[in-house]
Amino acid sequence: MTVVVRTPAGVVTSFREAWRDWADRPVFTWRTDKDQPPHDFGTREQAFQFIVSIWCCTSTKRERAERDSWTIEEVQA
């Protein structure tokens, strides 16, 4: 079983910490390459923590809608 994060652009295939913000929180970049296998987050909790890290400073209605469009899925490997 593979745990993936699906965004409106597709499943996350890779990510990395790009820098730290003013509060020393990690700021990530991620890719959703169609020709690459999805990143396996291992557990739903780890996938959830990734989404929380991405959307930690959500403040507008539009940002919340974008955040809520991300899903965690379990797929057969």
N, C-alpha and C. Protein backbone atom coordinates (compact mmCIF):
# COMPACT_ATOMS: atom_id res chain seq x y z
N MET A 1 0.84 -1.18 0.00
CA MET A 1 0.00 0.00 0.00
C MET A 1 0.89 1.24 0.00
N THR A 2 0.57 2.18 -0.86
CA THR A 2 1.30 3.44 -0.96
C THR A 2 0.37 4.57 -0.53
N VAL A 3 0.86 5.45 0.32
CA VAL A 3 0.08 6.60 0.77
C VAL A 3 0.58 7.82 -0.01
N VAL A 4 -0.33 8.45 -0.76
CA VAL A 4 0.03 9.59 -1.59
C VAL A 4 -0.83 10.81 -1.24
N VAL A 5 -0.32 11.97 -1.63
CA VAL A 5 -1.06 13.22 -1.49
C VAL A 5 -1.44 13.68 -2.89
N ARG A 6 -2.74 13.87 -3.11
CA ARG A 6 -3.23 14.33 -4.42
C ARG A 6 -3.60 15.81 -4.30
N THR A 7 -3.05 16.60 -5.22
CA THR A 7 -3.37 18.02 -5.32
C THR A 7 -4.21 18.22 -6.58
N PRO A 8 -4.76 19.39 -6.80
CA PRO A 8 -5.49 19.62 -8.06
C PRO A 8 -4.62 19.40 -9.30
N ALA A 9 -3.30 19.55 -9.16
CA ALA A 9 -2.38 19.37 -10.29
C ALA A 9 -1.96 17.91 -10.47
N GLY A 10 -2.25 17.06 -9.52
CA GLY A 10 -1.85 15.65 -9.59
C GLY A 10 -1.25 15.20 -8.27
N VAL A 11 -0.73 13.97 -8.25
CA VAL A 11 -0.12 13.46 -7.01
C VAL A 11 1.28 14.03 -6.84
N VAL A 12 1.66 14.23 -5.58
CA VAL A 12 3.00 14.72 -5.26
C VAL A 12 4.00 13.61 -5.59
N THR A 13 4.98 13.95 -6.43
CA THR A 13 6.00 12.96 -6.80
C THR A 13 7.30 13.18 -6.04
N SER A 14 7.55 14.40 -5.61
CA SER A 14 8.73 14.69 -4.80
C SER A 14 8.51 16.04 -4.11
N PHE A 15 9.27 16.24 -3.04
CA PHE A 15 9.23 17.52 -2.34
C PHE A 15 10.55 17.72 -1.61
N ARG A 16 10.81 18.97 -1.25
CA ARG A 16 12.00 19.27 -0.46
C ARG A 16 11.77 20.56 0.31
N GLU A 17 12.53 20.72 1.37
CA GLU A 17 12.49 21.97 2.12
C GLU A 17 13.31 22.98 1.35
N ALA A 18 12.71 24.11 1.00
CA ALA A 18 13.39 25.13 0.21
C ALA A 18 14.10 26.16 1.09
N TRP A 19 13.45 26.55 2.18
CA TRP A 19 14.02 27.51 3.12
C TRP A 19 13.18 27.48 4.39
N ARG A 20 13.53 28.33 5.34
CA ARG A 20 12.78 28.48 6.58
C ARG A 20 12.16 29.87 6.59
N ASP A 21 10.94 29.97 7.12
CA ASP A 21 10.27 31.28 7.15
C ASP A 21 10.69 32.05 8.39
N TRP A 22 10.07 33.18 8.61
CA TRP A 22 10.42 34.07 9.71
C TRP A 22 10.24 33.41 11.08
N ALA A 23 9.37 32.41 11.18
CA ALA A 23 9.14 31.70 12.45
C ALA A 23 9.92 30.38 12.49
N ASP A 24 10.89 30.23 11.58
CA ASP A 24 11.73 29.04 11.49
C ASP A 24 10.95 27.78 11.13
N ARG A 25 9.84 27.95 10.41
CA ARG A 25 9.08 26.81 9.90
C ARG A 25 9.59 26.48 8.50
N PRO A 26 9.62 25.19 8.12
CA PRO A 26 10.07 24.85 6.77
C PRO A 26 9.08 25.30 5.71
N VAL A 27 9.60 25.79 4.61
CA VAL A 27 8.81 26.14 3.44
C VAL A 27 9.21 25.13 2.36
N PHE A 28 8.22 24.40 1.83
CA PHE A 28 8.49 23.32 0.90
C PHE A 28 8.18 23.70 -0.54
N THR A 29 8.89 23.05 -1.44
CA THR A 29 8.51 23.02 -2.85
C THR A 29 8.16 21.57 -3.16
N TRP A 30 7.27 21.36 -4.12
CA TRP A 30 6.89 20.00 -4.47
C TRP A 30 6.64 19.92 -5.96
N ARG A 31 6.67 18.70 -6.45
CA ARG A 31 6.45 18.44 -7.87
C ARG A 31 5.30 17.46 -8.02
N THR A 32 4.64 17.56 -9.16
CA THR A 32 3.55 16.63 -9.50
C THR A 32 3.76 16.14 -10.93
N ASP A 33 4.95 15.61 -11.19
CA ASP A 33 5.31 15.15 -12.54
C ASP A 33 4.47 13.95 -12.94
N LYS A 34 3.84 14.05 -14.09
CA LYS A 34 2.98 12.97 -14.59
C LYS A 34 3.77 11.70 -14.93
N ASP A 35 5.04 11.87 -15.32
CA ASP A 35 5.83 10.71 -15.75
C ASP A 35 6.67 10.09 -14.63
N GLN A 36 6.46 10.54 -13.40
CA GLN A 36 7.20 10.02 -12.25
C GLN A 36 6.25 9.29 -11.30
N PRO A 37 6.76 8.30 -10.58
CA PRO A 37 5.90 7.62 -9.61
C PRO A 37 5.57 8.54 -8.44
N PRO A 38 4.44 8.35 -7.80
CA PRO A 38 4.09 9.19 -6.67
C PRO A 38 5.01 8.95 -5.48
N HIS A 39 5.20 9.98 -4.68
CA HIS A 39 5.98 9.84 -3.45
C HIS A 39 5.14 9.06 -2.44
N ASP A 40 5.74 8.07 -1.82
CA ASP A 40 5.07 7.29 -0.77
C ASP A 40 5.36 7.95 0.57
N PHE A 41 4.33 8.52 1.19
CA PHE A 41 4.50 9.19 2.48
C PHE A 41 4.58 8.20 3.63
N GLY A 42 4.32 6.94 3.38
CA GLY A 42 4.46 5.91 4.40
C GLY A 42 3.19 5.69 5.19
N THR A 43 2.72 6.74 5.85
CA THR A 43 1.50 6.64 6.65
C THR A 43 0.59 7.83 6.35
N ARG A 44 -0.67 7.67 6.68
CA ARG A 44 -1.62 8.78 6.51
C ARG A 44 -1.21 9.96 7.40
N GLU A 45 -0.69 9.66 8.58
CA GLU A 45 -0.26 10.72 9.51
C GLU A 45 0.87 11.55 8.91
N GLN A 46 1.85 10.89 8.29
CA GLN A 46 2.96 11.62 7.68
C GLN A 46 2.46 12.46 6.50
N ALA A 47 1.54 11.94 5.73
CA ALA A 47 0.96 12.71 4.62
C ALA A 47 0.19 13.91 5.16
N PHE A 48 -0.56 13.69 6.24
CA PHE A 48 -1.30 14.78 6.86
C PHE A 48 -0.35 15.86 7.38
N GLN A 49 0.74 15.46 8.00
CA GLN A 49 1.71 16.43 8.52
C GLN A 49 2.35 17.24 7.38
N PHE A 50 2.56 16.60 6.23
CA PHE A 50 3.08 17.32 5.07
C PHE A 50 2.08 18.40 4.64
N ILE A 51 0.82 18.04 4.54
CA ILE A 51 -0.20 19.02 4.15
C ILE A 51 -0.29 20.15 5.17
N VAL A 52 -0.24 19.81 6.44
CA VAL A 52 -0.28 20.83 7.50
C VAL A 52 0.90 21.78 7.35
N SER A 53 2.09 21.24 7.05
CA SER A 53 3.28 22.08 6.89
C SER A 53 3.12 23.03 5.70
N ILE A 54 2.54 22.54 4.62
CA ILE A 54 2.35 23.37 3.43
C ILE A 54 1.37 24.50 3.71
N TRP A 55 0.27 24.17 4.37
CA TRP A 55 -0.82 25.12 4.54
C TRP A 55 -0.91 25.69 5.96
N CYS A 56 0.21 25.77 6.68
CA CYS A 56 0.18 26.20 8.08
C CYS A 56 -0.31 27.64 8.26
N CYS A 57 -0.12 28.48 7.31
CA CYS A 57 -0.48 29.90 7.45
C CYS A 57 -1.70 30.28 6.62
N THR A 58 -2.57 29.34 6.39
CA THR A 58 -3.77 29.59 5.60
C THR A 58 -4.64 30.62 6.31
N SER A 59 -4.99 31.68 5.58
CA SER A 59 -5.80 32.71 6.23
C SER A 59 -7.00 33.15 5.41
N THR A 60 -6.95 32.99 4.09
CA THR A 60 -8.07 33.46 3.28
C THR A 60 -9.00 32.30 2.91
N LYS A 61 -10.19 32.65 2.52
CA LYS A 61 -11.16 31.64 2.10
C LYS A 61 -10.64 30.86 0.89
N ARG A 62 -10.00 31.56 -0.02
CA ARG A 62 -9.44 30.91 -1.21
C ARG A 62 -8.35 29.92 -0.84
N GLU A 63 -7.45 30.31 0.08
CA GLU A 63 -6.40 29.39 0.54
C GLU A 63 -6.99 28.17 1.23
N ARG A 64 -8.00 28.37 2.03
CA ARG A 64 -8.64 27.23 2.71
C ARG A 64 -9.29 26.29 1.71
N ALA A 65 -9.90 26.83 0.66
CA ALA A 65 -10.50 25.99 -0.37
C ALA A 65 -9.42 25.20 -1.11
N GLU A 66 -8.30 25.83 -1.40
CA GLU A 66 -7.19 25.13 -2.05
C GLU A 66 -6.66 24.03 -1.14
N ARG A 67 -6.44 24.35 0.12
CA ARG A 67 -5.98 23.35 1.09
C ARG A 67 -6.94 22.17 1.16
N ASP A 68 -8.21 22.45 1.19
CA ASP A 68 -9.20 21.39 1.33
C ASP A 68 -9.34 20.53 0.07
N SER A 69 -8.78 21.00 -1.05
CA SER A 69 -8.83 20.21 -2.27
C SER A 69 -7.72 19.15 -2.31
N TRP A 70 -6.76 19.23 -1.40
CA TRP A 70 -5.71 18.22 -1.31
C TRP A 70 -6.25 17.02 -0.55
N THR A 71 -5.98 15.83 -1.05
CA THR A 71 -6.47 14.62 -0.39
C THR A 71 -5.34 13.64 -0.15
N ILE A 72 -5.57 12.77 0.80
CA ILE A 72 -4.64 11.67 1.10
C ILE A 72 -5.31 10.40 0.60
N GLU A 73 -4.57 9.63 -0.19
CA GLU A 73 -5.12 8.41 -0.78
C GLU A 73 -4.18 7.24 -0.52
N GLU A 74 -4.76 6.08 -0.36
CA GLU A 74 -4.01 4.85 -0.27
C GLU A 74 -4.21 4.10 -1.57
N VAL A 75 -3.11 3.80 -2.26
CA VAL A 75 -3.20 3.11 -3.54
C VAL A 75 -2.38 1.83 -3.48
N GLN A 76 -2.78 0.87 -4.27
CA GLN A 76 -2.04 -0.39 -4.35
C GLN A 76 -0.73 -0.15 -5.10
N ALA A 77 0.35 -0.66 -4.56
CA ALA A 77 1.68 -0.48 -5.19
C ALA A 77 1.84 -1.39 -6.39
